[in-house]
Amino acid sequence: MADLPGSEPTKPTEPDIDASGGTRDFEWCETLPTDEVLKGLAVELYLADGDRLFIVADEADAAKVGEPRGIVYTAAEARGIVQIDDPSLVTEVHRWKREFNATLRGCRKNGGGR
């Protein structure tokens, strides 16, 4: 993937093929844990500020993405981030994660949803 200024978004990949030879049917996603739904896949999100991030099932899939760990979130990390009800705090966490190429180990609520 090119990280050049002004580069185009990456080309969509072919649908993931399951063991039975068919494409994955995402209608059943609501009944499975996020980790199982994402296993072997990476969802790339383009943010409004031109930044991007990836969401994957777990650490093994994070290693396969080939991007800095600071912009790759596991399903567990994403679950922690969505619990934060302050958008500015979410932005700050993402900035620190990216800057230090970090992983998130936990999310605790202290009064006020922080």
PDB file of N, CA and C in Angstrom:
ATOM      1  N   MET A   1       0.832  -1.178   0.000  1.00  0.00           N
ATOM      2  CA  MET A   1       0.000   0.000   0.000  1.00  0.00           C
ATOM      3  C   MET A   1       0.875   1.238   0.000  1.00  0.00           C
ATOM      4  N   ALA A   2       0.523   2.157  -0.821  1.00  0.00           N
ATOM      5  CA  ALA A   2       1.310   3.388  -0.921  1.00  0.00           C
ATOM      6  C   ALA A   2       0.870   4.371   0.143  1.00  0.00           C
ATOM      7  N   ASP A   3       1.825   4.984   0.796  1.00  0.00           N
ATOM      8  CA  ASP A   3       1.537   6.015   1.787  1.00  0.00           C
ATOM      9  C   ASP A   3       2.007   7.363   1.266  1.00  0.00           C
ATOM     10  N   LEU A   4       1.769   7.620   0.007  1.00  0.00           N
ATOM     11  CA  LEU A   4       2.208   8.858  -0.602  1.00  0.00           C
ATOM     12  C   LEU A   4       1.116   9.910  -0.483  1.00  0.00           C
ATOM     13  N   PRO A   5       1.497  11.165  -0.254  1.00  0.00           N
ATOM     14  CA  PRO A   5       0.494  12.223  -0.201  1.00  0.00           C
ATOM     15  C   PRO A   5      -0.296  12.254  -1.504  1.00  0.00           C
ATOM     16  N   GLY A   6      -1.599  12.346  -1.379  1.00  0.00           N
ATOM     17  CA  GLY A   6      -2.456  12.422  -2.548  1.00  0.00           C
ATOM     18  C   GLY A   6      -2.685  11.090  -3.233  1.00  0.00           C
ATOM     19  N   SER A   7      -2.197   9.991  -2.629  1.00  0.00           N
ATOM     20  CA  SER A   7      -2.404   8.694  -3.266  1.00  0.00           C
ATOM     21  C   SER A   7      -3.868   8.293  -3.173  1.00  0.00           C
ATOM     22  N   GLU A   8      -4.290   7.516  -4.115  1.00  0.00           N
ATOM     23  CA  GLU A   8      -5.666   7.052  -4.170  1.00  0.00           C
ATOM     24  C   GLU A   8      -5.902   5.980  -3.116  1.00  0.00           C
ATOM     25  N   PRO A   9      -7.157   5.836  -2.652  1.00  0.00           N
ATOM     26  CA  PRO A   9      -7.455   4.738  -1.727  1.00  0.00           C
ATOM     27  C   PRO A   9      -7.088   3.411  -2.372  1.00  0.00           C
ATOM     28  N   THR A  10      -6.772   2.449  -1.529  1.00  0.00           N
ATOM     29  CA  THR A  10      -6.410   1.148  -2.058  1.00  0.00           C
ATOM     30  C   THR A  10      -7.593   0.515  -2.778  1.00  0.00           C
ATOM     31  N   LYS A  11      -7.297  -0.314  -3.740  1.00  0.00           N
ATOM     32  CA  LYS A  11      -8.312  -0.985  -4.530  1.00  0.00           C
ATOM     33  C   LYS A  11      -9.022  -2.038  -3.675  1.00  0.00           C
ATOM     34  N   PRO A  12     -10.361  -2.126  -3.747  1.00  0.00           N
ATOM     35  CA  PRO A  12     -11.068  -3.136  -2.962  1.00  0.00           C
ATOM     36  C   PRO A  12     -10.560  -4.537  -3.317  1.00  0.00           C
ATOM     37  N   THR A  13     -10.529  -5.385  -2.328  1.00  0.00           N
ATOM     38  CA  THR A  13     -10.083  -6.753  -2.554  1.00  0.00           C
ATOM     39  C   THR A  13     -11.248  -7.609  -3.022  1.00  0.00           C
ATOM     40  N   GLU A  14     -10.910  -8.761  -3.535  1.00  0.00           N
ATOM     41  CA  GLU A  14     -11.948  -9.710  -3.939  1.00  0.00           C
ATOM     42  C   GLU A  14     -12.671 -10.213  -2.694  1.00  0.00           C
ATOM     43  N   PRO A  15     -13.948 -10.625  -2.818  1.00  0.00           N
ATOM     44  CA  PRO A  15     -14.659 -11.166  -1.655  1.00  0.00           C
ATOM     45  C   PRO A  15     -13.901 -12.357  -1.087  1.00  0.00           C
ATOM     46  N   ASP A  16     -13.931 -12.479   0.235  1.00  0.00           N
ATOM     47  CA  ASP A  16     -13.261 -13.591   0.899  1.00  0.00           C
ATOM     48  C   ASP A  16     -14.048 -14.874   0.615  1.00  0.00           C
ATOM     49  N   ILE A  17     -13.350 -15.919   0.278  1.00  0.00           N
ATOM     50  CA  ILE A  17     -13.983 -17.192  -0.042  1.00  0.00           C
ATOM     51  C   ILE A  17     -13.884 -18.107   1.165  1.00  0.00           C
ATOM     52  N   ASP A  18     -15.015 -18.678   1.567  1.00  0.00           N
ATOM     53  CA  ASP A  18     -14.966 -19.579   2.714  1.00  0.00           C
ATOM     54  C   ASP A  18     -14.601 -20.986   2.261  1.00  0.00           C
ATOM     55  N   ALA A  19     -14.481 -21.919   3.203  1.00  0.00           N
ATOM     56  CA  ALA A  19     -14.022 -23.283   2.914  1.00  0.00           C
ATOM     57  C   ALA A  19     -14.950 -24.026   1.961  1.00  0.00           C
ATOM     58  N   SER A  20     -16.215 -23.665   1.914  1.00  0.00           N
ATOM     59  CA  SER A  20     -17.149 -24.375   1.036  1.00  0.00           C
ATOM     60  C   SER A  20     -17.080 -23.860  -0.398  1.00  0.00           C
ATOM     61  N   GLY A  21     -16.247 -22.840  -0.650  1.00  0.00           N
ATOM     62  CA  GLY A  21     -16.085 -22.340  -2.012  1.00  0.00           C
ATOM     63  C   GLY A  21     -16.967 -21.163  -2.349  1.00  0.00           C
ATOM     64  N   GLY A  22     -17.824 -20.722  -1.423  1.00  0.00           N
ATOM     65  CA  GLY A  22     -18.706 -19.587  -1.682  1.00  0.00           C
ATOM     66  C   GLY A  22     -18.192 -18.339  -1.002  1.00  0.00           C
ATOM     67  N   THR A  23     -18.793 -17.200  -1.329  1.00  0.00           N
ATOM     68  CA  THR A  23     -18.389 -15.976  -0.644  1.00  0.00           C
ATOM     69  C   THR A  23     -19.049 -15.945   0.725  1.00  0.00           C
ATOM     70  N   ARG A  24     -18.457 -15.194   1.638  1.00  0.00           N
ATOM     71  CA  ARG A  24     -19.028 -15.103   2.974  1.00  0.00           C
ATOM     72  C   ARG A  24     -20.335 -14.326   2.931  1.00  0.00           C
ATOM     73  N   ASP A  25     -21.327 -14.818   3.622  1.00  0.00           N
ATOM     74  CA  ASP A  25     -22.629 -14.173   3.705  1.00  0.00           C
ATOM     75  C   ASP A  25     -22.670 -13.378   5.001  1.00  0.00           C
ATOM     76  N   PHE A  26     -22.707 -12.050   4.911  1.00  0.00           N
ATOM     77  CA  PHE A  26     -22.618 -11.227   6.102  1.00  0.00           C
ATOM     78  C   PHE A  26     -23.962 -10.992   6.778  1.00  0.00           C
ATOM     79  N   GLU A  27     -25.040 -11.621   6.306  1.00  0.00           N
ATOM     80  CA  GLU A  27     -26.328 -11.482   6.980  1.00  0.00           C
ATOM     81  C   GLU A  27     -26.294 -12.106   8.366  1.00  0.00           C
ATOM     82  N   TRP A  28     -25.430 -13.075   8.595  1.00  0.00           N
ATOM     83  CA  TRP A  28     -25.358 -13.763   9.887  1.00  0.00           C
ATOM     84  C   TRP A  28     -24.461 -13.031  10.876  1.00  0.00           C
ATOM     85  N   CYS A  29     -23.889 -11.923  10.490  1.00  0.00           N
ATOM     86  CA  CYS A  29     -22.931 -11.203  11.345  1.00  0.00           C
ATOM     87  C   CYS A  29     -23.531 -10.772  12.676  1.00  0.00           C
ATOM     88  N   GLU A  30     -24.796 -10.455  12.711  1.00  0.00           N
ATOM     89  CA  GLU A  30     -25.400  -9.968  13.942  1.00  0.00           C
ATOM     90  C   GLU A  30     -25.374 -11.008  15.045  1.00  0.00           C
ATOM     91  N   THR A  31     -25.263 -12.288  14.717  1.00  0.00           N
ATOM     92  CA  THR A  31     -25.321 -13.326  15.729  1.00  0.00           C
ATOM     93  C   THR A  31     -23.952 -13.831  16.155  1.00  0.00           C
ATOM     94  N   LEU A  32     -22.899 -13.404  15.492  1.00  0.00           N
ATOM     95  CA  LEU A  32     -21.550 -13.855  15.824  1.00  0.00           C
ATOM     96  C   LEU A  32     -20.750 -12.738  16.481  1.00  0.00           C
ATOM     97  N   PRO A  33     -19.826 -13.106  17.370  1.00  0.00           N
ATOM     98  CA  PRO A  33     -18.942 -12.086  17.947  1.00  0.00           C
ATOM     99  C   PRO A  33     -18.100 -11.430  16.851  1.00  0.00           C
ATOM    100  N   THR A  34     -17.787 -10.164  17.028  1.00  0.00           N
ATOM    101  CA  THR A  34     -17.013  -9.405  16.050  1.00  0.00           C
ATOM    102  C   THR A  34     -15.722 -10.122  15.672  1.00  0.00           C
ATOM    103  N   ASP A  35     -15.053 -10.731  16.649  1.00  0.00           N
ATOM    104  CA  ASP A  35     -13.793 -11.424  16.397  1.00  0.00           C
ATOM    105  C   ASP A  35     -13.970 -12.520  15.343  1.00  0.00           C
ATOM    106  N   GLU A  36     -15.064 -13.286  15.437  1.00  0.00           N
ATOM    107  CA  GLU A  36     -15.305 -14.367  14.480  1.00  0.00           C
ATOM    108  C   GLU A  36     -15.659 -13.832  13.100  1.00  0.00           C
ATOM    109  N   VAL A  37     -16.432 -12.768  13.056  1.00  0.00           N
ATOM    110  CA  VAL A  37     -16.845 -12.182  11.778  1.00  0.00           C
ATOM    111  C   VAL A  37     -15.633 -11.651  11.015  1.00  0.00           C
ATOM    112  N   LEU A  38     -14.703 -11.031  11.732  1.00  0.00           N
ATOM    113  CA  LEU A  38     -13.550 -10.406  11.099  1.00  0.00           C
ATOM    114  C   LEU A  38     -12.389 -11.352  10.839  1.00  0.00           C
ATOM    115  N   LYS A  39     -12.389 -12.552  11.409  1.00  0.00           N
ATOM    116  CA  LYS A  39     -11.226 -13.437  11.312  1.00  0.00           C
ATOM    117  C   LYS A  39     -10.791 -13.601   9.852  1.00  0.00           C
ATOM    118  N   GLY A  40      -9.525 -13.280   9.602  1.00  0.00           N
ATOM    119  CA  GLY A  40      -8.968 -13.398   8.261  1.00  0.00           C
ATOM    120  C   GLY A  40      -9.245 -12.200   7.362  1.00  0.00           C
ATOM    121  N   LEU A  41      -9.934 -11.194   7.888  1.00  0.00           N
ATOM    122  CA  LEU A  41     -10.285 -10.009   7.102  1.00  0.00           C
ATOM    123  C   LEU A  41      -9.713  -8.762   7.760  1.00  0.00           C
ATOM    124  N   ALA A  42      -9.649  -7.684   7.011  1.00  0.00           N
ATOM    125  CA  ALA A  42      -9.284  -6.375   7.551  1.00  0.00           C
ATOM    126  C   ALA A  42     -10.229  -5.352   6.948  1.00  0.00           C
ATOM    127  N   VAL A  43     -10.844  -4.552   7.785  1.00  0.00           N
ATOM    128  CA  VAL A  43     -11.711  -3.477   7.331  1.00  0.00           C
ATOM    129  C   VAL A  43     -10.886  -2.190   7.382  1.00  0.00           C
ATOM    130  N   GLU A  44     -10.745  -1.514   6.239  1.00  0.00           N
ATOM    131  CA  GLU A  44      -9.989  -0.273   6.167  1.00  0.00           C
ATOM    132  C   GLU A  44     -10.975   0.884   6.163  1.00  0.00           C
ATOM    133  N   LEU A  45     -10.799   1.789   7.107  1.00  0.00           N
ATOM    134  CA  LEU A  45     -11.680   2.950   7.222  1.00  0.00           C
ATOM    135  C   LEU A  45     -10.898   4.217   6.898  1.00  0.00           C
ATOM    136  N   TYR A  46     -11.483   5.060   6.064  1.00  0.00           N
ATOM    137  CA  TYR A  46     -10.894   6.354   5.729  1.00  0.00           C
ATOM    138  C   TYR A  46     -11.597   7.410   6.571  1.00  0.00           C
ATOM    139  N   LEU A  47     -10.833   8.156   7.353  1.00  0.00           N
ATOM    140  CA  LEU A  47     -11.384   9.154   8.252  1.00  0.00           C
ATOM    141  C   LEU A  47     -11.477  10.508   7.568  1.00  0.00           C
ATOM    142  N   ALA A  48     -12.304  11.385   8.118  1.00  0.00           N
ATOM    143  CA  ALA A  48     -12.575  12.689   7.513  1.00  0.00           C
ATOM    144  C   ALA A  48     -11.318  13.528   7.347  1.00  0.00           C
ATOM    145  N   ASP A  49     -10.346  13.373   8.236  1.00  0.00           N
ATOM    146  CA  ASP A  49      -9.133  14.197   8.163  1.00  0.00           C
ATOM    147  C   ASP A  49      -8.089  13.624   7.211  1.00  0.00           C
ATOM    148  N   GLY A  50      -8.452  12.610   6.441  1.00  0.00           N
ATOM    149  CA  GLY A  50      -7.517  11.993   5.505  1.00  0.00           C
ATOM    150  C   GLY A  50      -6.747  10.842   6.109  1.00  0.00           C
ATOM    151  N   ASP A  51      -6.891  10.653   7.413  1.00  0.00           N
ATOM    152  CA  ASP A  51      -6.256   9.536   8.111  1.00  0.00           C
ATOM    153  C   ASP A  51      -7.026   8.255   7.776  1.00  0.00           C
ATOM    154  N   ARG A  52      -6.467   7.134   8.151  1.00  0.00           N
ATOM    155  CA  ARG A  52      -7.168   5.868   7.958  1.00  0.00           C
ATOM    156  C   ARG A  52      -6.782   4.932   9.089  1.00  0.00           C
ATOM    157  N   LEU A  53      -7.586   3.892   9.268  1.00  0.00           N
ATOM    158  CA  LEU A  53      -7.286   2.861  10.239  1.00  0.00           C
ATOM    159  C   LEU A  53      -7.861   1.545   9.755  1.00  0.00           C
ATOM    160  N   PHE A  54      -7.402   0.470  10.364  1.00  0.00           N
ATOM    161  CA  PHE A  54      -7.862  -0.869  10.016  1.00  0.00           C
ATOM    162  C   PHE A  54      -8.448  -1.519  11.256  1.00  0.00           C
ATOM    163  N   ILE A  55      -9.491  -2.332  11.075  1.00  0.00           N
ATOM    164  CA  ILE A  55     -10.049  -3.125  12.164  1.00  0.00           C
ATOM    165  C   ILE A  55      -9.930  -4.587  11.753  1.00  0.00           C
ATOM    166  N   VAL A  56      -9.349  -5.386  12.658  1.00  0.00           N
ATOM    167  CA  VAL A  56      -9.122  -6.812  12.414  1.00  0.00           C
ATOM    168  C   VAL A  56      -9.619  -7.605  13.620  1.00  0.00           C
ATOM    169  N   ALA A  57      -9.633  -8.920  13.494  1.00  0.00           N
ATOM    170  CA  ALA A  57     -10.148  -9.773  14.559  1.00  0.00           C
ATOM    171  C   ALA A  57      -9.252  -9.794  15.792  1.00  0.00           C
ATOM    172  N   ASP A  58      -7.951  -9.994  15.589  1.00  0.00           N
ATOM    173  CA  ASP A  58      -7.063 -10.232  16.728  1.00  0.00           C
ATOM    174  C   ASP A  58      -5.628  -9.876  16.379  1.00  0.00           C
ATOM    175  N   GLU A  59      -4.723 -10.124  17.320  1.00  0.00           N
ATOM    176  CA  GLU A  59      -3.316  -9.791  17.125  1.00  0.00           C
ATOM    177  C   GLU A  59      -2.700 -10.525  15.932  1.00  0.00           C
ATOM    178  N   ALA A  60      -3.083 -11.782  15.727  1.00  0.00           N
ATOM    179  CA  ALA A  60      -2.540 -12.540  14.594  1.00  0.00           C
ATOM    180  C   ALA A  60      -2.907 -11.861  13.276  1.00  0.00           C
ATOM    181  N   ASP A  61      -4.158 -11.423  13.143  1.00  0.00           N
ATOM    182  CA  ASP A  61      -4.580 -10.726  11.924  1.00  0.00           C
ATOM    183  C   ASP A  61      -3.931  -9.344  11.828  1.00  0.00           C
ATOM    184  N   ALA A  62      -3.708  -8.676  12.972  1.00  0.00           N
ATOM    185  CA  ALA A  62      -3.056  -7.362  12.961  1.00  0.00           C
ATOM    186  C   ALA A  62      -1.656  -7.476  12.369  1.00  0.00           C
ATOM    187  N   ALA A  63      -0.961  -8.550  12.685  1.00  0.00           N
ATOM    188  CA  ALA A  63       0.395  -8.757  12.167  1.00  0.00           C
ATOM    189  C   ALA A  63       0.392  -8.977  10.654  1.00  0.00           C
ATOM    190  N   LYS A  64      -0.698  -9.508  10.123  1.00  0.00           N
ATOM    191  CA  LYS A  64      -0.782  -9.820   8.686  1.00  0.00           C
ATOM    192  C   LYS A  64      -1.108  -8.604   7.828  1.00  0.00           C
ATOM    193  N   VAL A  65      -1.643  -7.547   8.428  1.00  0.00           N
ATOM    194  CA  VAL A  65      -2.073  -6.370   7.652  1.00  0.00           C
ATOM    195  C   VAL A  65      -0.900  -5.684   6.975  1.00  0.00           C
ATOM    196  N   GLY A  66       0.253  -5.680   7.640  1.00  0.00           N
ATOM    197  CA  GLY A  66       1.424  -5.044   7.051  1.00  0.00           C
ATOM    198  C   GLY A  66       1.441  -3.536   7.212  1.00  0.00           C
ATOM    199  N   GLU A  67       0.658  -3.035   8.132  1.00  0.00           N
ATOM    200  CA  GLU A  67       0.607  -1.601   8.434  1.00  0.00           C
ATOM    201  C   GLU A  67       1.095  -1.400   9.866  1.00  0.00           C
ATOM    202  N   PRO A  68       1.522  -0.179  10.219  1.00  0.00           N
ATOM    203  CA  PRO A  68       1.955   0.073  11.594  1.00  0.00           C
ATOM    204  C   PRO A  68       0.851  -0.285  12.586  1.00  0.00           C
ATOM    205  N   ARG A  69       1.238  -0.886  13.692  1.00  0.00           N
ATOM    206  CA  ARG A  69       0.252  -1.326  14.697  1.00  0.00           C
ATOM    207  C   ARG A  69      -0.551  -0.157  15.246  1.00  0.00           C
ATOM    208  N   GLY A  70       0.003   1.036  15.163  1.00  0.00           N
ATOM    209  CA  GLY A  70      -0.692   2.220  15.652  1.00  0.00           C
ATOM    210  C   GLY A  70      -1.949   2.585  14.890  1.00  0.00           C
ATOM    211  N   ILE A  71      -2.116   2.084  13.661  1.00  0.00           N
ATOM    212  CA  ILE A  71      -3.349   2.365  12.914  1.00  0.00           C
ATOM    213  C   ILE A  71      -4.197   1.109  12.725  1.00  0.00           C
ATOM    214  N   VAL A  72      -3.804   0.016  13.381  1.00  0.00           N
ATOM    215  CA  VAL A  72      -4.565  -1.235  13.302  1.00  0.00           C
ATOM    216  C   VAL A  72      -5.208  -1.491  14.657  1.00  0.00           C
ATOM    217  N   TYR A  73      -6.512  -1.643  14.662  1.00  0.00           N
ATOM    218  CA  TYR A  73      -7.266  -1.923  15.883  1.00  0.00           C
ATOM    219  C   TYR A  73      -7.795  -3.349  15.823  1.00  0.00           C
ATOM    220  N   THR A  74      -7.593  -4.111  16.899  1.00  0.00           N
ATOM    221  CA  THR A  74      -8.233  -5.414  16.994  1.00  0.00           C
ATOM    222  C   THR A  74      -9.691  -5.179  17.380  1.00  0.00           C
ATOM    223  N   ALA A  75     -10.508  -6.219  17.252  1.00  0.00           N
ATOM    224  CA  ALA A  75     -11.913  -6.105  17.651  1.00  0.00           C
ATOM    225  C   ALA A  75     -12.017  -5.706  19.123  1.00  0.00           C
ATOM    226  N   ALA A  76     -11.146  -6.248  19.971  1.00  0.00           N
ATOM    227  CA  ALA A  76     -11.164  -5.898  21.399  1.00  0.00           C
ATOM    228  C   ALA A  76     -10.843  -4.420  21.606  1.00  0.00           C
ATOM    229  N   GLU A  77      -9.858  -3.895  20.878  1.00  0.00           N
ATOM    230  CA  GLU A  77      -9.527  -2.478  20.992  1.00  0.00           C
ATOM    231  C   GLU A  77     -10.695  -1.618  20.520  1.00  0.00           C
ATOM    232  N   ALA A  78     -11.315  -2.001  19.418  1.00  0.00           N
ATOM    233  CA  ALA A  78     -12.451  -1.237  18.886  1.00  0.00           C
ATOM    234  C   ALA A  78     -13.613  -1.241  19.876  1.00  0.00           C
ATOM    235  N   ARG A  79     -13.860  -2.390  20.528  1.00  0.00           N
ATOM    236  CA  ARG A  79     -14.932  -2.446  21.531  1.00  0.00           C
ATOM    237  C   ARG A  79     -14.651  -1.468  22.671  1.00  0.00           C
ATOM    238  N   GLY A  80     -13.395  -1.344  23.074  1.00  0.00           N
ATOM    239  CA  GLY A  80     -13.042  -0.401  24.134  1.00  0.00           C
ATOM    240  C   GLY A  80     -13.234   1.039  23.712  1.00  0.00           C
ATOM    241  N   ILE A  81     -12.825   1.354  22.495  1.00  0.00           N
ATOM    242  CA  ILE A  81     -12.922   2.736  21.991  1.00  0.00           C
ATOM    243  C   ILE A  81     -14.377   3.185  21.865  1.00  0.00           C
ATOM    244  N   VAL A  82     -15.265   2.318  21.400  1.00  0.00           N
ATOM    245  CA  VAL A  82     -16.656   2.749  21.211  1.00  0.00           C
ATOM    246  C   VAL A  82     -17.374   2.998  22.529  1.00  0.00           C
ATOM    247  N   GLN A  83     -16.788   2.584  23.633  1.00  0.00           N
ATOM    248  CA  GLN A  83     -17.380   2.857  24.941  1.00  0.00           C
ATOM    249  C   GLN A  83     -17.124   4.287  25.401  1.00  0.00           C
ATOM    250  N   ILE A  84     -16.177   4.971  24.772  1.00  0.00           N
ATOM    251  CA  ILE A  84     -15.837   6.343  25.158  1.00  0.00           C
ATOM    252  C   ILE A  84     -16.847   7.286  24.520  1.00  0.00           C
ATOM    253  N   ASP A  85     -17.551   8.055  25.341  1.00  0.00           N
ATOM    254  CA  ASP A  85     -18.614   8.907  24.808  1.00  0.00           C
ATOM    255  C   ASP A  85     -18.181  10.347  24.537  1.00  0.00           C
ATOM    256  N   ASP A  86     -16.882  10.594  24.557  1.00  0.00           N
ATOM    257  CA  ASP A  86     -16.357  11.933  24.287  1.00  0.00           C
ATOM    258  C   ASP A  86     -15.518  11.878  23.003  1.00  0.00           C
ATOM    259  N   PRO A  87     -16.038  12.403  21.879  1.00  0.00           N
ATOM    260  CA  PRO A  87     -15.311  12.336  20.607  1.00  0.00           C
ATOM    261  C   PRO A  87     -13.899  12.923  20.666  1.00  0.00           C
ATOM    262  N   SER A  88     -13.702  13.965  21.451  1.00  0.00           N
ATOM    263  CA  SER A  88     -12.364  14.539  21.533  1.00  0.00           C
ATOM    264  C   SER A  88     -11.400  13.586  22.231  1.00  0.00           C
ATOM    265  N   LEU A  89     -11.887  12.822  23.181  1.00  0.00           N
ATOM    266  CA  LEU A  89     -11.050  11.840  23.858  1.00  0.00           C
ATOM    267  C   LEU A  89     -10.717  10.675  22.923  1.00  0.00           C
ATOM    268  N   VAL A  90     -11.674  10.252  22.112  1.00  0.00           N
ATOM    269  CA  VAL A  90     -11.425   9.203  21.119  1.00  0.00           C
ATOM    270  C   VAL A  90     -10.342   9.661  20.147  1.00  0.00           C
ATOM    271  N   THR A  91     -10.433  10.906  19.703  1.00  0.00           N
ATOM    272  CA  THR A  91      -9.423  11.474  18.797  1.00  0.00           C
ATOM    273  C   THR A  91      -8.052  11.473  19.458  1.00  0.00           C
ATOM    274  N   GLU A  92      -8.005  11.847  20.725  1.00  0.00           N
ATOM    275  CA  GLU A  92      -6.736  11.878  21.459  1.00  0.00           C
ATOM    276  C   GLU A  92      -6.143  10.473  21.601  1.00  0.00           C
ATOM    277  N   VAL A  93      -6.984   9.494  21.932  1.00  0.00           N
ATOM    278  CA  VAL A  93      -6.506   8.109  22.061  1.00  0.00           C
ATOM    279  C   VAL A  93      -5.951   7.631  20.725  1.00  0.00           C
ATOM    280  N   HIS A  94      -6.665   7.899  19.641  1.00  0.00           N
ATOM    281  CA  HIS A  94      -6.193   7.481  18.321  1.00  0.00           C
ATOM    282  C   HIS A  94      -4.866   8.157  17.983  1.00  0.00           C
ATOM    283  N   ARG A  95      -4.734   9.441  18.313  1.00  0.00           N
ATOM    284  CA  ARG A  95      -3.491  10.165  18.042  1.00  0.00           C
ATOM    285  C   ARG A  95      -2.324   9.537  18.799  1.00  0.00           C
ATOM    286  N   TRP A  96      -2.522   9.236  20.069  1.00  0.00           N
ATOM    287  CA  TRP A  96      -1.462   8.626  20.874  1.00  0.00           C
ATOM    288  C   TRP A  96      -1.138   7.219  20.376  1.00  0.00           C
ATOM    289  N   LYS A  97      -2.163   6.458  20.037  1.00  0.00           N
ATOM    290  CA  LYS A  97      -1.952   5.094  19.526  1.00  0.00           C
ATOM    291  C   LYS A  97      -1.102   5.135  18.264  1.00  0.00           C
ATOM    292  N   ARG A  98      -1.447   6.047  17.368  1.00  0.00           N
ATOM    293  CA  ARG A  98      -0.716   6.206  16.106  1.00  0.00           C
ATOM    294  C   ARG A  98       0.711   6.695  16.360  1.00  0.00           C
ATOM    295  N   GLU A  99       0.858   7.722  17.201  1.00  0.00           N
ATOM    296  CA  GLU A  99       2.166   8.325  17.441  1.00  0.00           C
ATOM    297  C   GLU A  99       3.158   7.339  18.069  1.00  0.00           C
ATOM    298  N   PHE A 100       2.677   6.505  18.985  1.00  0.00           N
ATOM    299  CA  PHE A 100       3.562   5.575  19.678  1.00  0.00           C
ATOM    300  C   PHE A 100       3.479   4.148  19.133  1.00  0.00           C
ATOM    301  N   ASN A 101       2.754   3.967  18.014  1.00  0.00           N
ATOM    302  CA  ASN A 101       2.605   2.653  17.402  1.00  0.00           C
ATOM    303  C   ASN A 101       2.167   1.639  18.466  1.00  0.00           C
ATOM    304  N   ALA A 102       1.143   2.018  19.205  1.00  0.00           N
ATOM    305  CA  ALA A 102       0.746   1.312  20.420  1.00  0.00           C
ATOM    306  C   ALA A 102      -0.437   0.371  20.226  1.00  0.00           C
ATOM    307  N   THR A 103      -0.625  -0.464  21.229  1.00  0.00           N
ATOM    308  CA  THR A 103      -1.829  -1.284  21.346  1.00  0.00           C
ATOM    309  C   THR A 103      -2.593  -0.777  22.563  1.00  0.00           C
ATOM    310  N   LEU A 104      -3.902  -0.984  22.564  1.00  0.00           N
ATOM    311  CA  LEU A 104      -4.735  -0.581  23.694  1.00  0.00           C
ATOM    312  C   LEU A 104      -5.054  -1.822  24.514  1.00  0.00           C
ATOM    313  N   ARG A 105      -4.789  -1.760  25.815  1.00  0.00           N
ATOM    314  CA  ARG A 105      -4.985  -2.925  26.665  1.00  0.00           C
ATOM    315  C   ARG A 105      -6.261  -2.886  27.465  1.00  0.00           C
ATOM    316  N   GLY A 106      -6.860  -1.758  27.634  1.00  0.00           N
ATOM    317  CA  GLY A 106      -8.062  -1.711  28.435  1.00  0.00           C
ATOM    318  C   GLY A 106      -8.714  -0.358  28.374  1.00  0.00           C
ATOM    319  N   CYS A 107      -9.955  -0.331  28.758  1.00  0.00           N
ATOM    320  CA  CYS A 107     -10.707   0.904  28.785  1.00  0.00           C
ATOM    321  C   CYS A 107     -11.541   0.875  30.061  1.00  0.00           C
ATOM    322  N   ARG A 108     -11.326   1.857  30.904  1.00  0.00           N
ATOM    323  CA  ARG A 108     -12.059   1.971  32.155  1.00  0.00           C
ATOM    324  C   ARG A 108     -12.867   3.230  32.159  1.00  0.00           C
ATOM    325  N   LYS A 109     -14.090   3.156  32.627  1.00  0.00           N
ATOM    326  CA  LYS A 109     -14.904   4.362  32.735  1.00  0.00           C
ATOM    327  C   LYS A 109     -14.705   4.974  34.111  1.00  0.00           C
ATOM    328  N   ASN A 110     -14.303   6.225  34.126  1.00  0.00           N
ATOM    329  CA  ASN A 110     -14.310   7.023  35.340  1.00  0.00           C
ATOM    330  C   ASN A 110     -15.433   8.008  35.148  1.00  0.00           C
ATOM    331  N   GLY A 111     -16.111   8.416  36.168  1.00  0.00           N
ATOM    332  CA  GLY A 111     -17.245   9.313  36.035  1.00  0.00           C
ATOM    333  C   GLY A 111     -17.251  10.141  34.770  1.00  0.00           C
ATOM    334  N   GLY A 112     -18.387  10.365  34.176  1.00  0.00           N
ATOM    335  CA  GLY A 112     -18.495  11.169  32.970  1.00  0.00           C
ATOM    336  C   GLY A 112     -18.175  10.394  31.703  1.00  0.00           C
ATOM    337  N   GLY A 113     -18.089   9.063  31.785  1.00  0.00           N
ATOM    338  CA  GLY A 113     -17.872   8.254  30.587  1.00  0.00           C
ATOM    339  C   GLY A 113     -16.456   8.218  30.093  1.00  0.00           C
ATOM    340  N   ARG A 114     -15.495   8.663  30.883  1.00  0.00           N
ATOM    341  CA  ARG A 114     -14.092   8.668  30.461  1.00  0.00           C
ATOM    342  C   ARG A 114     -13.370   7.468  30.979  1.00  0.00           C
TER     343      ARG A 114
END
